[in-house]
Amino acid sequence: MIYLKNKGFIFVKADAGGREFMFEQFIYDASILGGDGFLGTRASFSLDLLISFLAFLPISVAISILFVTKGYLKIHQFFQILLFLLTVSFLAWFAYIVHYKEGLALLLEQSSVPSSQVYLYLGIHILLSIIVIFKWFFSIVYALSDRRRRALPGLYSQAHIKSGKSTFLFIFLIALSSVGVYWALFVA
């Protein structure tokens, strides 16, 4: 077998019983996508996609909340769990790309924002991310357990609404902090 690596693709030329064939496999490499994002910044396509999701997260959650006001509780439950899982995945992906794949030191060199300010943005973003993940997780867990006990909707509805409003505020703040970190690292 012959392996040739060229810009993220591996070409394998193999002889299988007298027949030659070519096999291509794409390997995810953020450096291929670097600077080719759709938002016109220094960020990669994957980061532009990620920040778009995080920026529109409060709108997505608000749409999910509209389902419950119209009486579609199962759809609300499904979308809340889906948005939570996507948010956790995207926040982990964002952290991986910024800290490891792109290299935070390199991003700080390219940014015109002072590194101390970027570290402040990152610290706030990480703190808010942790709060959002825990608040949202426990809101979902308590809602599922209350629903199994037939106390939601009903007995615990007001407590769930209060928890949901608090979680929504932090989701909105995480969207703002994500856009702030993106701006500091890829726009400025």
C-alpha atoms as a PDB file:
ATOM      1  CA  MET A   1       0.000   0.000   0.000  1.00  0.00           C
ATOM      2  CA  ILE A   2       1.113   3.526  -0.734  1.00  0.00           C
ATOM      3  CA  TYR A   3      -0.034   6.348   1.534  1.00  0.00           C
ATOM      4  CA  LEU A   4       0.139   9.912   0.256  1.00  0.00           C
ATOM      5  CA  LYS A   5      -1.056  12.720   2.495  1.00  0.00           C
ATOM      6  CA  ASN A   6      -2.104  15.889   0.714  1.00  0.00           C
ATOM      7  CA  LYS A   7      -4.011  18.733   2.412  1.00  0.00           C
ATOM      8  CA  GLY A   8      -6.068  16.580   4.737  1.00  0.00           C
ATOM      9  CA  PHE A   9      -6.789  13.762   2.328  1.00  0.00           C
ATOM     10  CA  ILE A  10      -5.161  10.345   2.425  1.00  0.00           C
ATOM     11  CA  PHE A  11      -4.871   8.642  -0.923  1.00  0.00           C
ATOM     12  CA  VAL A  12      -4.350   4.898  -0.719  1.00  0.00           C
ATOM     13  CA  LYS A  13      -3.366   2.961  -3.801  1.00  0.00           C
ATOM     14  CA  ALA A  14      -3.631  -0.757  -3.156  1.00  0.00           C
ATOM     15  CA  ASP A  15      -3.489  -3.928  -5.170  1.00  0.00           C
ATOM     16  CA  ALA A  16      -6.430  -6.155  -4.259  1.00  0.00           C
ATOM     17  CA  GLY A  17      -6.277  -9.394  -6.197  1.00  0.00           C
ATOM     18  CA  GLY A  18      -4.652  -7.859  -9.275  1.00  0.00           C
ATOM     19  CA  ARG A  19      -6.985  -4.832  -9.284  1.00  0.00           C
ATOM     20  CA  GLU A  20      -5.805  -1.375  -8.409  1.00  0.00           C
ATOM     21  CA  PHE A  21      -8.162   1.108  -6.814  1.00  0.00           C
ATOM     22  CA  MET A  22      -7.975   4.545  -5.288  1.00  0.00           C
ATOM     23  CA  PHE A  23      -9.456   5.287  -1.885  1.00  0.00           C
ATOM     24  CA  GLU A  24      -9.925   8.798  -0.492  1.00  0.00           C
ATOM     25  CA  GLN A  25     -10.676   9.610   3.103  1.00  0.00           C
ATOM     26  CA  PHE A  26     -11.145  13.074   4.455  1.00  0.00           C
ATOM     27  CA  ILE A  27      -9.482  13.726   7.774  1.00  0.00           C
ATOM     28  CA  TYR A  28     -10.852  16.621   9.764  1.00  0.00           C
ATOM     29  CA  ASP A  29      -8.214  19.270   9.999  1.00  0.00           C
ATOM     30  CA  ALA A  30      -9.155  22.770  11.080  1.00  0.00           C
ATOM     31  CA  SER A  31      -6.111  24.177   9.322  1.00  0.00           C
ATOM     32  CA  ILE A  32      -7.695  23.259   5.977  1.00  0.00           C
ATOM     33  CA  LEU A  33     -10.698  25.352   6.853  1.00  0.00           C
ATOM     34  CA  GLY A  34      -8.640  28.168   8.403  1.00  0.00           C
ATOM     35  CA  GLY A  35      -9.652  31.634   7.298  1.00  0.00           C
ATOM     36  CA  ASP A  36     -12.321  30.289   4.953  1.00  0.00           C
ATOM     37  CA  GLY A  37     -15.279  30.887   7.229  1.00  0.00           C
ATOM     38  CA  PHE A  38     -18.524  32.387   6.006  1.00  0.00           C
ATOM     39  CA  LEU A  39     -18.473  35.334   8.442  1.00  0.00           C
ATOM     40  CA  GLY A  40     -15.447  36.938   6.785  1.00  0.00           C
ATOM     41  CA  THR A  41     -13.085  36.753   9.761  1.00  0.00           C
ATOM     42  CA  ARG A  42      -9.835  34.912  10.520  1.00  0.00           C
ATOM     43  CA  ALA A  43     -11.867  32.020  11.929  1.00  0.00           C
ATOM     44  CA  SER A  44     -12.401  28.711  10.199  1.00  0.00           C
ATOM     45  CA  PHE A  45     -15.692  27.539   8.750  1.00  0.00           C
ATOM     46  CA  SER A  46     -16.210  25.230  11.729  1.00  0.00           C
ATOM     47  CA  LEU A  47     -15.750  28.090  14.197  1.00  0.00           C
ATOM     48  CA  ASP A  48     -18.134  30.302  12.216  1.00  0.00           C
ATOM     49  CA  LEU A  49     -20.711  27.530  12.310  1.00  0.00           C
ATOM     50  CA  LEU A  50     -20.151  27.042  16.020  1.00  0.00           C
ATOM     51  CA  ILE A  51     -20.417  30.740  16.909  1.00  0.00           C
ATOM     52  CA  SER A  52     -23.566  31.052  14.796  1.00  0.00           C
ATOM     53  CA  PHE A  53     -25.174  28.272  16.828  1.00  0.00           C
ATOM     54  CA  LEU A  54     -24.126  29.847  20.140  1.00  0.00           C
ATOM     55  CA  ALA A  55     -25.236  33.333  19.046  1.00  0.00           C
ATOM     56  CA  PHE A  56     -28.698  32.078  18.053  1.00  0.00           C
ATOM     57  CA  LEU A  57     -29.044  29.792  21.068  1.00  0.00           C
ATOM     58  CA  PRO A  58     -31.305  32.185  23.047  1.00  0.00           C
ATOM     59  CA  ILE A  59     -33.665  32.402  20.058  1.00  0.00           C
ATOM     60  CA  SER A  60     -33.705  28.600  19.761  1.00  0.00           C
ATOM     61  CA  VAL A  61     -34.470  28.235  23.465  1.00  0.00           C
ATOM     62  CA  ALA A  62     -37.199  30.889  23.215  1.00  0.00           C
ATOM     63  CA  ILE A  63     -38.808  28.945  20.361  1.00  0.00           C
ATOM     64  CA  SER A  64     -38.648  25.824  22.518  1.00  0.00           C
ATOM     65  CA  ILE A  65     -40.372  27.719  25.326  1.00  0.00           C
ATOM     66  CA  LEU A  66     -43.115  28.810  22.904  1.00  0.00           C
ATOM     67  CA  PHE A  67     -43.959  25.140  22.381  1.00  0.00           C
ATOM     68  CA  VAL A  68     -44.834  24.750  26.058  1.00  0.00           C
ATOM     69  CA  THR A  69     -47.023  27.865  26.006  1.00  0.00           C
ATOM     70  CA  LYS A  70     -48.961  26.303  23.106  1.00  0.00           C
ATOM     71  CA  GLY A  71     -49.355  23.016  25.023  1.00  0.00           C
ATOM     72  CA  TYR A  72     -46.725  20.946  23.190  1.00  0.00           C
ATOM     73  CA  LEU A  73     -44.906  19.649  26.263  1.00  0.00           C
ATOM     74  CA  LYS A  74     -43.212  16.657  24.611  1.00  0.00           C
ATOM     75  CA  ILE A  75     -41.784  18.846  21.814  1.00  0.00           C
ATOM     76  CA  HIS A  76     -40.539  21.333  24.428  1.00  0.00           C
ATOM     77  CA  GLN A  77     -38.908  18.494  26.375  1.00  0.00           C
ATOM     78  CA  PHE A  78     -37.287  17.032  23.248  1.00  0.00           C
ATOM     79  CA  PHE A  79     -35.893  20.379  22.065  1.00  0.00           C
ATOM     80  CA  GLN A  80     -34.613  21.352  25.496  1.00  0.00           C
ATOM     81  CA  ILE A  81     -32.666  18.090  25.786  1.00  0.00           C
ATOM     82  CA  LEU A  82     -31.424  18.398  22.187  1.00  0.00           C
ATOM     83  CA  LEU A  83     -30.338  22.030  22.652  1.00  0.00           C
ATOM     84  CA  PHE A  84     -28.635  21.165  25.933  1.00  0.00           C
ATOM     85  CA  LEU A  85     -26.648  18.314  24.368  1.00  0.00           C
ATOM     86  CA  LEU A  86     -25.719  20.438  21.338  1.00  0.00           C
ATOM     87  CA  THR A  87     -24.666  23.324  23.581  1.00  0.00           C
ATOM     88  CA  VAL A  88     -22.438  21.122  25.725  1.00  0.00           C
ATOM     89  CA  SER A  89     -20.904  19.607  22.575  1.00  0.00           C
ATOM     90  CA  PHE A  90     -20.378  22.990  20.908  1.00  0.00           C
ATOM     91  CA  LEU A  91     -18.884  24.584  24.024  1.00  0.00           C
ATOM     92  CA  ALA A  92     -16.452  21.671  24.334  1.00  0.00           C
ATOM     93  CA  TRP A  93     -15.679  21.950  20.625  1.00  0.00           C
ATOM     94  CA  PHE A  94     -15.128  25.717  20.965  1.00  0.00           C
ATOM     95  CA  ALA A  95     -12.740  25.184  23.881  1.00  0.00           C
ATOM     96  CA  TYR A  96     -10.857  22.463  22.009  1.00  0.00           C
ATOM     97  CA  ILE A  97     -10.440  24.519  18.844  1.00  0.00           C
ATOM     98  CA  VAL A  98      -9.463  27.746  20.603  1.00  0.00           C
ATOM     99  CA  HIS A  99      -7.101  26.230  23.170  1.00  0.00           C
ATOM    100  CA  TYR A 100      -5.578  23.299  21.317  1.00  0.00           C
ATOM    101  CA  LYS A 101      -6.287  23.226  17.591  1.00  0.00           C
ATOM    102  CA  GLU A 102      -5.759  26.911  16.764  1.00  0.00           C
ATOM    103  CA  GLY A 103      -3.395  27.606  19.654  1.00  0.00           C
ATOM    104  CA  LEU A 104      -4.379  30.354  22.050  1.00  0.00           C
ATOM    105  CA  ALA A 105      -0.920  31.967  21.966  1.00  0.00           C
ATOM    106  CA  LEU A 106      -1.091  32.282  18.169  1.00  0.00           C
ATOM    107  CA  LEU A 107      -4.605  33.701  18.325  1.00  0.00           C
ATOM    108  CA  LEU A 108      -3.501  36.263  20.922  1.00  0.00           C
ATOM    109  CA  GLU A 109      -0.622  37.343  18.672  1.00  0.00           C
ATOM    110  CA  GLN A 110      -2.994  37.888  15.746  1.00  0.00           C
ATOM    111  CA  SER A 111      -5.546  39.830  17.804  1.00  0.00           C
ATOM    112  CA  SER A 112      -5.330  43.559  18.385  1.00  0.00           C
ATOM    113  CA  VAL A 113      -7.095  43.173  21.740  1.00  0.00           C
ATOM    114  CA  PRO A 114      -4.699  43.130  24.715  1.00  0.00           C
ATOM    115  CA  SER A 115      -4.120  39.611  26.015  1.00  0.00           C
ATOM    116  CA  SER A 116      -5.237  40.567  29.534  1.00  0.00           C
ATOM    117  CA  GLN A 117      -8.622  41.596  28.162  1.00  0.00           C
ATOM    118  CA  VAL A 118      -8.901  38.360  26.159  1.00  0.00           C
ATOM    119  CA  TYR A 119      -8.090  36.340  29.280  1.00  0.00           C
ATOM    120  CA  LEU A 120     -10.815  38.275  31.137  1.00  0.00           C
ATOM    121  CA  TYR A 121     -13.314  37.439  28.341  1.00  0.00           C
ATOM    122  CA  LEU A 122     -12.227  33.796  28.436  1.00  0.00           C
ATOM    123  CA  GLY A 123     -12.500  33.627  32.228  1.00  0.00           C
ATOM    124  CA  ILE A 124     -16.024  35.084  32.179  1.00  0.00           C
ATOM    125  CA  HIS A 125     -16.958  32.780  29.304  1.00  0.00           C
ATOM    126  CA  ILE A 126     -15.670  29.669  31.107  1.00  0.00           C
ATOM    127  CA  LEU A 127     -17.421  30.631  34.351  1.00  0.00           C
ATOM    128  CA  LEU A 128     -20.713  31.293  32.553  1.00  0.00           C
ATOM    129  CA  SER A 129     -20.343  28.042  30.596  1.00  0.00           C
ATOM    130  CA  ILE A 130     -19.976  26.018  33.779  1.00  0.00           C
ATOM    131  CA  ILE A 131     -22.956  27.749  35.394  1.00  0.00           C
ATOM    132  CA  VAL A 132     -25.136  27.248  32.305  1.00  0.00           C
ATOM    133  CA  ILE A 133     -24.269  23.582  31.978  1.00  0.00           C
ATOM    134  CA  PHE A 134     -25.076  22.837  35.627  1.00  0.00           C
ATOM    135  CA  LYS A 135     -28.233  24.987  35.821  1.00  0.00           C
ATOM    136  CA  TRP A 136     -29.617  23.651  32.561  1.00  0.00           C
ATOM    137  CA  PHE A 137     -28.721  20.039  33.425  1.00  0.00           C
ATOM    138  CA  PHE A 138     -30.453  20.206  36.789  1.00  0.00           C
ATOM    139  CA  SER A 139     -33.481  21.986  35.315  1.00  0.00           C
ATOM    140  CA  ILE A 140     -33.876  19.135  32.851  1.00  0.00           C
ATOM    141  CA  VAL A 141     -33.271  16.410  35.455  1.00  0.00           C
ATOM    142  CA  TYR A 142     -35.752  17.910  37.935  1.00  0.00           C
ATOM    143  CA  ALA A 143     -38.319  18.497  35.181  1.00  0.00           C
ATOM    144  CA  LEU A 144     -38.062  14.882  34.019  1.00  0.00           C
ATOM    145  CA  SER A 145     -38.368  13.531  37.553  1.00  0.00           C
ATOM    146  CA  ASP A 146     -41.288  15.871  38.348  1.00  0.00           C
ATOM    147  CA  ARG A 147     -43.006  14.831  35.133  1.00  0.00           C
ATOM    148  CA  ARG A 148     -42.638  11.143  36.053  1.00  0.00           C
ATOM    149  CA  ARG A 149     -44.264  11.904  39.425  1.00  0.00           C
ATOM    150  CA  ARG A 150     -47.018  13.827  37.598  1.00  0.00           C
ATOM    151  CA  ALA A 151     -46.086  17.040  39.420  1.00  0.00           C
ATOM    152  CA  LEU A 152     -45.165  18.849  36.185  1.00  0.00           C
ATOM    153  CA  PRO A 153     -47.258  20.429  34.850  1.00  0.00           C
ATOM    154  CA  GLY A 154     -48.952  21.104  38.122  1.00  0.00           C
ATOM    155  CA  LEU A 155     -47.479  21.336  41.596  1.00  0.00           C
ATOM    156  CA  TYR A 156     -43.919  22.290  40.535  1.00  0.00           C
ATOM    157  CA  SER A 157     -44.770  24.405  37.492  1.00  0.00           C
ATOM    158  CA  GLN A 158     -43.934  27.714  39.173  1.00  0.00           C
ATOM    159  CA  ALA A 159     -40.591  26.407  40.453  1.00  0.00           C
ATOM    160  CA  HIS A 160     -39.787  25.094  36.953  1.00  0.00           C
ATOM    161  CA  ILE A 161     -40.700  28.439  35.375  1.00  0.00           C
ATOM    162  CA  LYS A 162     -38.474  30.269  37.864  1.00  0.00           C
ATOM    163  CA  SER A 163     -35.587  27.867  37.204  1.00  0.00           C
ATOM    164  CA  GLY A 164     -36.168  28.189  33.450  1.00  0.00           C
ATOM    165  CA  LYS A 165     -36.054  31.995  33.556  1.00  0.00           C
ATOM    166  CA  SER A 166     -32.803  31.919  35.500  1.00  0.00           C
ATOM    167  CA  THR A 167     -31.305  29.377  33.106  1.00  0.00           C
ATOM    168  CA  PHE A 168     -32.460  31.414  30.095  1.00  0.00           C
ATOM    169  CA  LEU A 169     -30.700  34.495  31.487  1.00  0.00           C
ATOM    170  CA  PHE A 170     -27.443  32.546  31.725  1.00  0.00           C
ATOM    171  CA  ILE A 171     -27.975  31.102  28.228  1.00  0.00           C
ATOM    172  CA  PHE A 172     -28.316  34.660  26.938  1.00  0.00           C
ATOM    173  CA  LEU A 173     -25.131  35.647  28.795  1.00  0.00           C
ATOM    174  CA  ILE A 174     -23.250  32.652  27.371  1.00  0.00           C
ATOM    175  CA  ALA A 175     -24.284  33.710  23.872  1.00  0.00           C
ATOM    176  CA  LEU A 176     -22.960  37.226  24.534  1.00  0.00           C
ATOM    177  CA  SER A 177     -19.713  35.955  26.050  1.00  0.00           C
ATOM    178  CA  SER A 178     -19.188  33.537  23.140  1.00  0.00           C
ATOM    179  CA  VAL A 179     -19.584  36.352  20.640  1.00  0.00           C
ATOM    180  CA  GLY A 180     -17.248  38.509  22.774  1.00  0.00           C
ATOM    181  CA  VAL A 181     -14.521  35.848  22.829  1.00  0.00           C
ATOM    182  CA  TYR A 182     -14.968  35.243  19.081  1.00  0.00           C
ATOM    183  CA  TRP A 183     -14.688  38.980  18.400  1.00  0.00           C
ATOM    184  CA  ALA A 184     -11.570  39.332  20.558  1.00  0.00           C
ATOM    185  CA  LEU A 185      -9.795  36.377  18.954  1.00  0.00           C
ATOM    186  CA  PHE A 186     -10.896  36.466  15.312  1.00  0.00           C
ATOM    187  CA  VAL A 187     -12.217  39.929  14.438  1.00  0.00           C
ATOM    188  CA  ALA A 188     -10.173  42.493  16.338  1.00  0.00           C
END
